[in-house]
Protein backbone atom coordinates (compact mmCIF):
# COMPACT_ATOMS: atom_id res chain seq x y z
CA MET A 1 -60.46 -100.23 45.22
CA THR A 2 -60.64 -104.02 44.94
CA ILE A 3 -58.42 -106.25 47.01
CA ALA A 4 -56.78 -107.59 43.86
CA ARG A 5 -55.94 -104.08 42.63
CA ARG A 6 -54.64 -103.09 46.07
CA ARG A 7 -52.35 -106.13 46.13
CA LEU A 8 -51.12 -105.32 42.61
CA LEU A 9 -50.21 -101.77 43.61
CA GLN A 10 -48.45 -103.04 46.73
CA LEU A 11 -46.48 -105.50 44.60
CA VAL A 12 -45.44 -102.78 42.14
CA ALA A 13 -44.40 -100.50 45.01
CA GLY A 14 -42.38 -103.33 46.51
CA ILE A 15 -40.60 -104.01 43.24
CA ALA A 16 -39.78 -100.29 42.88
CA THR A 17 -37.98 -100.30 46.23
CA LEU A 18 -35.84 -103.35 45.43
CA PRO A 19 -32.95 -101.42 43.81
CA VAL A 20 -32.85 -99.02 46.77
CA LEU A 21 -32.93 -101.87 49.27
CA ALA A 22 -30.24 -103.73 47.33
CA SER A 23 -28.04 -100.64 47.23
CA THR A 24 -28.52 -100.10 50.95
CA ALA A 25 -27.63 -103.71 51.68
CA ARG A 26 -24.47 -103.48 49.58
CA ALA A 27 -23.45 -100.29 51.34
CA GLU A 28 -24.00 -101.78 54.79
CA THR A 29 -21.73 -104.73 54.03
CA TYR A 30 -19.12 -102.65 52.17
CA PRO A 31 -16.35 -103.52 51.65
CA ALA A 32 -16.99 -107.21 51.23
CA ARG A 33 -13.50 -107.93 49.89
CA GLY A 34 -10.27 -106.21 48.94
CA ILE A 35 -10.32 -102.88 47.09
CA ARG A 36 -8.10 -101.98 44.17
CA VAL A 37 -7.15 -98.47 43.12
CA ILE A 38 -6.30 -98.23 39.43
CA VAL A 39 -3.67 -95.56 38.76
CA PRO A 40 -3.56 -94.70 35.04
CA GLN A 41 0.07 -93.65 35.30
CA ALA A 42 3.41 -95.33 35.90
CA ALA A 43 4.62 -96.03 39.42
CA GLY A 44 6.87 -93.58 41.24
CA GLY A 45 5.37 -90.20 40.41
CA ALA A 46 3.55 -87.85 42.77
CA ALA A 47 0.12 -89.13 41.68
CA ASP A 48 1.12 -92.75 42.30
CA ILE A 49 2.61 -91.92 45.70
CA SER A 50 -0.54 -90.07 46.76
CA ALA A 51 -2.65 -93.09 45.73
CA ARG A 52 -0.48 -95.38 47.85
CA LEU A 53 -0.79 -93.07 50.85
CA ILE A 54 -4.58 -93.08 50.64
CA GLY A 55 -4.66 -96.79 49.81
CA GLN A 56 -2.78 -97.64 52.99
CA TRP A 57 -5.09 -95.38 54.99
CA LEU A 58 -8.20 -97.02 53.53
CA SER A 59 -6.79 -100.50 54.21
CA GLU A 60 -6.47 -99.64 57.90
CA ARG A 61 -9.79 -97.77 58.02
CA LEU A 62 -11.93 -100.30 56.16
CA GLY A 63 -10.32 -103.51 57.36
CA GLN A 64 -9.73 -104.84 53.85
CA PRO A 65 -6.56 -104.81 51.72
CA CYS A 66 -6.36 -101.91 49.28
CA THR A 67 -3.98 -102.62 46.41
CA ILE A 68 -2.60 -100.18 43.85
CA GLU A 69 -2.69 -101.27 40.21
CA ASN A 70 -0.73 -99.13 37.75
CA ARG A 71 -2.21 -99.13 34.24
CA PRO A 72 -0.44 -96.40 32.27
CA GLY A 73 -1.01 -95.77 28.59
CA ALA A 74 -2.86 -93.53 26.14
CA GLY A 75 -2.47 -90.51 28.38
CA GLY A 76 -4.37 -92.18 31.21
CA ASN A 77 -7.28 -93.45 29.12
CA ILE A 78 -6.47 -97.16 29.46
CA GLY A 79 -6.66 -97.17 33.24
CA THR A 80 -9.71 -94.90 33.25
CA GLU A 81 -11.60 -97.20 30.85
CA ALA A 82 -10.83 -100.18 33.08
CA VAL A 83 -12.67 -98.48 35.93
CA VAL A 84 -15.55 -97.26 33.75
CA THR A 85 -16.28 -100.86 32.73
CA SER A 86 -15.88 -102.37 36.20
CA ALA A 87 -18.72 -103.24 38.57
CA PRO A 88 -20.19 -100.20 40.36
CA ASP A 89 -19.78 -101.70 43.83
CA GLY A 90 -16.99 -99.58 45.33
CA HIS A 91 -14.34 -102.27 45.05
CA THR A 92 -12.59 -100.69 42.04
CA LEU A 93 -11.51 -97.07 42.44
CA LEU A 94 -9.89 -94.70 39.96
CA LEU A 95 -7.10 -92.29 40.75
CA ALA A 96 -8.50 -89.53 38.57
CA GLY A 97 -6.45 -86.48 37.72
CA SER A 98 -6.05 -83.37 35.64
CA PHE A 99 -5.14 -85.63 32.69
CA ASN A 100 -8.76 -86.80 32.65
CA ALA A 101 -10.03 -83.23 32.38
CA ILE A 102 -7.64 -82.62 29.48
CA ASN A 103 -8.37 -85.89 27.68
CA ALA A 104 -12.11 -85.23 27.66
CA THR A 105 -11.52 -82.73 24.81
CA LEU A 106 -8.13 -83.84 23.50
CA TYR A 107 -9.45 -87.24 22.39
CA ASP A 108 -12.61 -87.20 20.29
CA LYS A 109 -13.13 -90.96 19.97
CA LEU A 110 -13.00 -92.26 23.53
CA SER A 111 -15.21 -95.21 24.40
CA PHE A 112 -16.39 -93.40 27.53
CA ASN A 113 -17.42 -89.94 28.68
CA PHE A 114 -15.42 -89.11 31.79
CA LEU A 115 -17.87 -86.56 33.21
CA ARG A 116 -20.77 -88.96 32.71
CA ASP A 117 -19.21 -92.34 33.46
CA ILE A 118 -17.05 -91.63 36.52
CA ALA A 119 -18.69 -90.45 39.73
CA PRO A 120 -16.51 -88.10 41.83
CA VAL A 121 -15.78 -89.32 45.35
CA ALA A 122 -13.10 -87.15 46.93
CA GLY A 123 -10.10 -85.04 46.09
CA ILE A 124 -6.70 -85.99 47.46
CA MET A 125 -4.14 -83.40 46.43
CA ARG A 126 -3.74 -80.28 44.36
CA ASN A 127 -0.25 -79.26 43.36
CA PRO A 128 1.45 -76.68 41.17
CA LEU A 129 3.83 -77.06 38.34
CA ILE A 130 6.83 -74.82 38.57
CA MET A 131 8.14 -72.62 35.78
CA VAL A 132 11.87 -73.28 35.55
CA VAL A 133 14.47 -71.95 33.14
CA HIS A 134 18.02 -72.87 32.26
CA PRO A 135 20.52 -70.46 33.89
CA SER A 136 21.58 -69.23 30.44
CA ILE A 137 18.25 -67.38 30.19
CA PRO A 138 18.76 -63.94 31.74
CA ALA A 139 15.20 -63.66 33.11
CA LYS A 140 14.83 -63.87 36.86
CA THR A 141 11.10 -63.10 37.01
CA VAL A 142 8.04 -63.90 34.91
CA VAL A 143 7.87 -60.28 33.74
CA GLU A 144 11.48 -60.45 32.56
CA LEU A 145 10.82 -63.77 30.82
CA ILE A 146 7.87 -62.29 28.92
CA ALA A 147 10.02 -59.35 27.84
CA TYR A 148 12.82 -61.70 26.75
CA ALA A 149 10.41 -63.86 24.75
CA LYS A 150 8.92 -60.84 22.99
CA THR A 151 12.33 -59.58 21.92
CA ASN A 152 13.34 -63.09 20.84
CA PRO A 153 10.20 -64.46 19.13
CA GLY A 154 10.30 -68.17 18.35
CA LYS A 155 13.69 -68.66 20.01
CA LEU A 156 12.36 -69.83 23.35
CA ASN A 157 11.71 -73.59 23.48
CA PHE A 158 9.68 -75.13 26.27
CA GLY A 159 9.59 -78.81 27.05
CA SER A 160 6.71 -81.06 27.97
CA ALA A 161 5.90 -84.71 28.56
CA GLY A 162 3.90 -84.80 25.32
CA ASN A 163 0.98 -83.27 23.46
CA GLY A 164 -1.86 -82.61 25.87
CA SER A 165 0.22 -83.32 28.97
CA PRO A 166 -0.28 -80.99 31.95
CA GLN A 167 3.15 -79.44 31.24
CA HIS A 168 2.13 -78.74 27.65
CA MET A 169 -1.21 -77.26 28.67
CA ALA A 170 0.42 -74.98 31.23
CA GLY A 171 2.75 -73.66 28.53
CA GLU A 172 -0.04 -73.17 25.98
CA LEU A 173 -2.15 -71.28 28.51
CA PHE A 174 0.86 -69.06 29.27
CA LYS A 175 1.35 -68.37 25.56
CA MET A 176 -2.32 -67.50 25.11
CA MET A 177 -2.47 -65.14 28.07
CA THR A 178 0.82 -63.32 27.35
CA GLY A 179 0.87 -63.31 23.54
CA ILE A 180 4.44 -64.59 23.39
CA ASP A 181 5.82 -66.92 20.72
CA MET A 182 7.58 -70.00 22.05
CA VAL A 183 7.87 -73.51 20.66
CA GLN A 184 6.92 -76.73 22.42
CA ARG A 185 9.36 -79.64 22.26
CA TYR A 186 8.63 -82.95 23.93
CA ARG A 187 10.34 -86.28 24.54
CA GLY A 188 8.74 -87.39 27.79
CA SER A 189 9.18 -86.16 31.34
CA ALA A 190 12.63 -87.60 32.09
CA ALA A 191 14.08 -86.60 28.71
CA MET A 192 12.56 -83.13 29.07
CA LEU A 193 14.42 -82.54 32.33
CA THR A 194 17.67 -83.85 30.83
CA ASP A 195 17.33 -81.51 27.84
CA LEU A 196 16.56 -78.59 30.13
CA LEU A 197 19.65 -79.24 32.27
CA ARG A 198 21.74 -79.36 29.09
CA GLY A 199 20.26 -76.11 27.81
CA GLU A 200 18.80 -77.79 24.72
CA ILE A 201 15.45 -76.36 25.79
CA GLN A 202 15.21 -73.20 27.83
CA LEU A 203 11.97 -73.45 29.78
CA ALA A 204 9.64 -76.01 31.30
CA PHE A 205 6.60 -76.27 33.52
CA ASP A 206 7.69 -79.17 35.68
CA PRO A 207 6.30 -80.98 38.73
CA ILE A 208 8.03 -79.67 41.85
CA LEU A 209 9.00 -83.19 42.91
CA SER A 210 11.16 -83.80 39.82
CA SER A 211 12.96 -80.46 39.65
CA LEU A 212 13.32 -79.39 43.29
CA GLU A 213 16.86 -80.74 43.76
CA GLN A 214 18.06 -79.06 40.55
CA ILE A 215 16.54 -75.78 41.73
CA LYS A 216 18.23 -76.04 45.13
CA SER A 217 21.59 -76.85 43.52
CA GLY A 218 21.36 -73.88 41.14
CA LYS A 219 21.24 -76.02 38.00
CA LEU A 220 17.80 -74.59 37.21
CA ARG A 221 16.19 -71.28 38.11
CA ALA A 222 12.64 -71.25 39.44
CA LEU A 223 10.58 -68.27 38.30
CA ALA A 224 7.07 -69.06 39.53
CA VAL A 225 4.53 -71.70 40.51
CA THR A 226 1.38 -72.17 38.46
CA THR A 227 -1.23 -72.32 41.22
CA ALA A 228 -3.21 -69.28 42.36
CA THR A 229 -1.42 -69.28 45.73
CA ARG A 230 2.21 -69.87 46.57
CA SER A 231 3.49 -73.36 47.31
CA LEU A 232 4.29 -74.42 50.87
CA ALA A 233 7.31 -76.24 49.44
CA LEU A 234 8.71 -73.03 47.90
CA PRO A 235 7.05 -70.14 49.74
CA ASP A 236 9.50 -67.54 48.41
CA ILE A 237 8.68 -68.33 44.78
CA ALA A 238 6.03 -66.10 43.21
CA THR A 239 2.98 -67.34 41.33
CA VAL A 240 2.62 -66.83 37.59
CA GLY A 241 -0.63 -65.05 38.39
CA GLU A 242 1.23 -62.29 40.22
CA ALA A 243 2.60 -61.22 36.84
CA VAL A 244 -0.20 -62.56 34.60
CA PRO A 245 -3.50 -61.91 36.41
CA GLY A 246 -5.92 -64.81 36.17
CA TYR A 247 -3.33 -67.40 35.20
CA GLU A 248 -3.68 -70.72 36.98
CA SER A 249 -2.69 -74.23 35.97
CA VAL A 250 -3.29 -76.63 38.80
CA GLY A 251 -2.55 -80.30 38.97
CA TRP A 252 -4.91 -82.42 41.03
CA VAL A 253 -5.72 -86.01 41.82
CA GLY A 254 -8.63 -87.64 43.57
CA ILE A 255 -10.77 -90.74 43.70
CA GLY A 256 -13.60 -91.63 41.33
CA VAL A 257 -15.80 -94.70 40.92
CA PRO A 258 -17.99 -96.08 38.12
CA ARG A 259 -21.32 -94.29 37.80
CA HIS A 260 -24.24 -96.02 39.52
CA THR A 261 -22.05 -96.84 42.52
CA PRO A 262 -24.42 -96.58 45.52
CA LEU A 263 -24.43 -93.14 47.09
CA GLN A 264 -23.86 -94.61 50.55
CA ILE A 265 -20.57 -96.12 49.38
CA VAL A 266 -19.49 -92.86 47.75
CA GLU A 267 -20.24 -90.96 50.95
CA LYS A 268 -18.42 -93.52 53.12
CA LEU A 269 -15.30 -93.36 50.94
CA ASN A 270 -15.47 -89.57 50.91
CA ALA A 271 -15.62 -89.41 54.71
CA ASP A 272 -12.75 -91.87 55.13
CA ILE A 273 -10.52 -90.12 52.57
CA ASN A 274 -11.18 -86.71 54.11
CA ALA A 275 -10.28 -88.15 57.51
CA GLY A 276 -7.02 -89.37 56.03
CA LEU A 277 -6.23 -85.92 54.67
CA GLU A 278 -6.46 -84.62 58.25
CA ASP A 279 -3.77 -87.06 59.36
CA ALA A 280 -0.53 -85.23 60.12
CA ALA A 281 1.71 -87.86 58.53
CA ILE A 282 -0.27 -87.86 55.27
CA LYS A 283 -0.37 -84.04 55.16
CA ALA A 284 3.39 -83.92 55.66
CA ARG A 285 3.99 -86.46 52.91
CA LEU A 286 1.78 -84.55 50.47
CA ALA A 287 3.74 -81.40 51.33
CA ASP A 288 6.95 -83.28 50.48
CA LEU A 289 5.42 -83.88 47.04
CA GLY A 290 4.84 -80.14 46.67
CA GLY A 291 1.09 -80.52 47.11
CA ALA A 292 -1.68 -79.64 49.53
CA PRO A 293 -4.72 -81.70 50.64
CA LEU A 294 -7.79 -81.29 48.44
CA GLN A 295 -10.66 -81.90 50.84
CA GLY A 296 -14.37 -81.53 50.24
CA SER A 297 -17.60 -83.27 49.34
CA PRO A 298 -18.19 -85.38 46.23
CA ALA A 299 -20.16 -82.45 44.77
CA GLU A 300 -17.27 -80.04 45.35
CA PHE A 301 -14.83 -82.43 43.73
CA GLY A 302 -17.25 -82.82 40.83
CA ARG A 303 -17.40 -79.04 40.35
CA LEU A 304 -13.61 -78.86 40.22
CA ILE A 305 -13.52 -81.57 37.55
CA ALA A 306 -16.18 -79.81 35.47
CA GLU A 307 -14.42 -76.45 35.74
CA GLN A 308 -11.06 -77.95 34.79
CA THR A 309 -12.60 -79.83 31.85
CA GLU A 310 -14.08 -76.60 30.50
CA ARG A 311 -10.86 -74.62 31.02
CA TRP A 312 -8.62 -77.09 29.22
CA GLY A 313 -11.22 -77.71 26.54
CA ASN A 314 -11.07 -74.02 25.66
CA VAL A 315 -7.25 -74.09 25.48
CA ILE A 316 -7.22 -77.25 23.35
CA ARG A 317 -9.74 -75.86 20.88
CA THR A 318 -8.07 -72.45 20.66
CA ALA A 319 -4.56 -73.85 20.18
CA GLN A 320 -5.88 -76.71 17.99
CA ILE A 321 -4.00 -79.31 20.00
CA LYS A 322 -4.18 -82.91 18.83
CA PRO A 323 -3.10 -86.08 20.62
CA GLU A 324 0.19 -87.67 19.61
């Protein structure tokens, strides 16, 4: 081999390592400035609160401010797109959630592909919805509710936050797996709860945080939680799956970043977030929200997202659900 050819090959090899070296350098100096977490939902809900808990933890852990930026709209797509199009340097994070898994099929003209364009970093929390009924409904268990619905077809109305919302999907899955006939009505989360308390709708799958006080006061009756295991917040309440084997509708949130974010940054964020989920104060606060820590590797979080996307895609296609 000539000296000239040897030098050419060395040059090519050196160029090939530049992206790796650049990524390593970025990871070693990360974070170079403040981090922002984009939450594609309004402030005040369980997802937003969980983002603020982890944001505060990361601020202390990483030595840089971590700010929360709420960008609600289009079912979470506006905030998600903002992260997809941001620089893949670990300074813009997405609070991803079950709405992303639903939207992947619900919307057929998105400018991004969630599974492709967002890299999973770490889960934060998984939480159930709770099946609640107005006290005028005689059912005290899921089995009794199914029997009531079958003897009163089309007379049972369930509320949701809108077409394709987690509450709607939980209800549609319940309909599919039980064969009952009930009608969805939606006016948004707050209006749904108001209508349920008035008896204008009879049933809802509601976040525990928003309905817990009404359950404790007897204004609503809790029949079951939608996760596969019982909730620590309501350990005496059965799961839907105890009456309908295989039923599970789980809410979850976690952190994602734009694809091509260096692996070293993803792994660092994953380790720091998992450490936060071991903190007693954070665990207690998540429990107050009705949730439980969702720890694991980026790959494990990615598998959850893929499984949830497939599950809700099947429900959307079967029920022919369209966005509002």
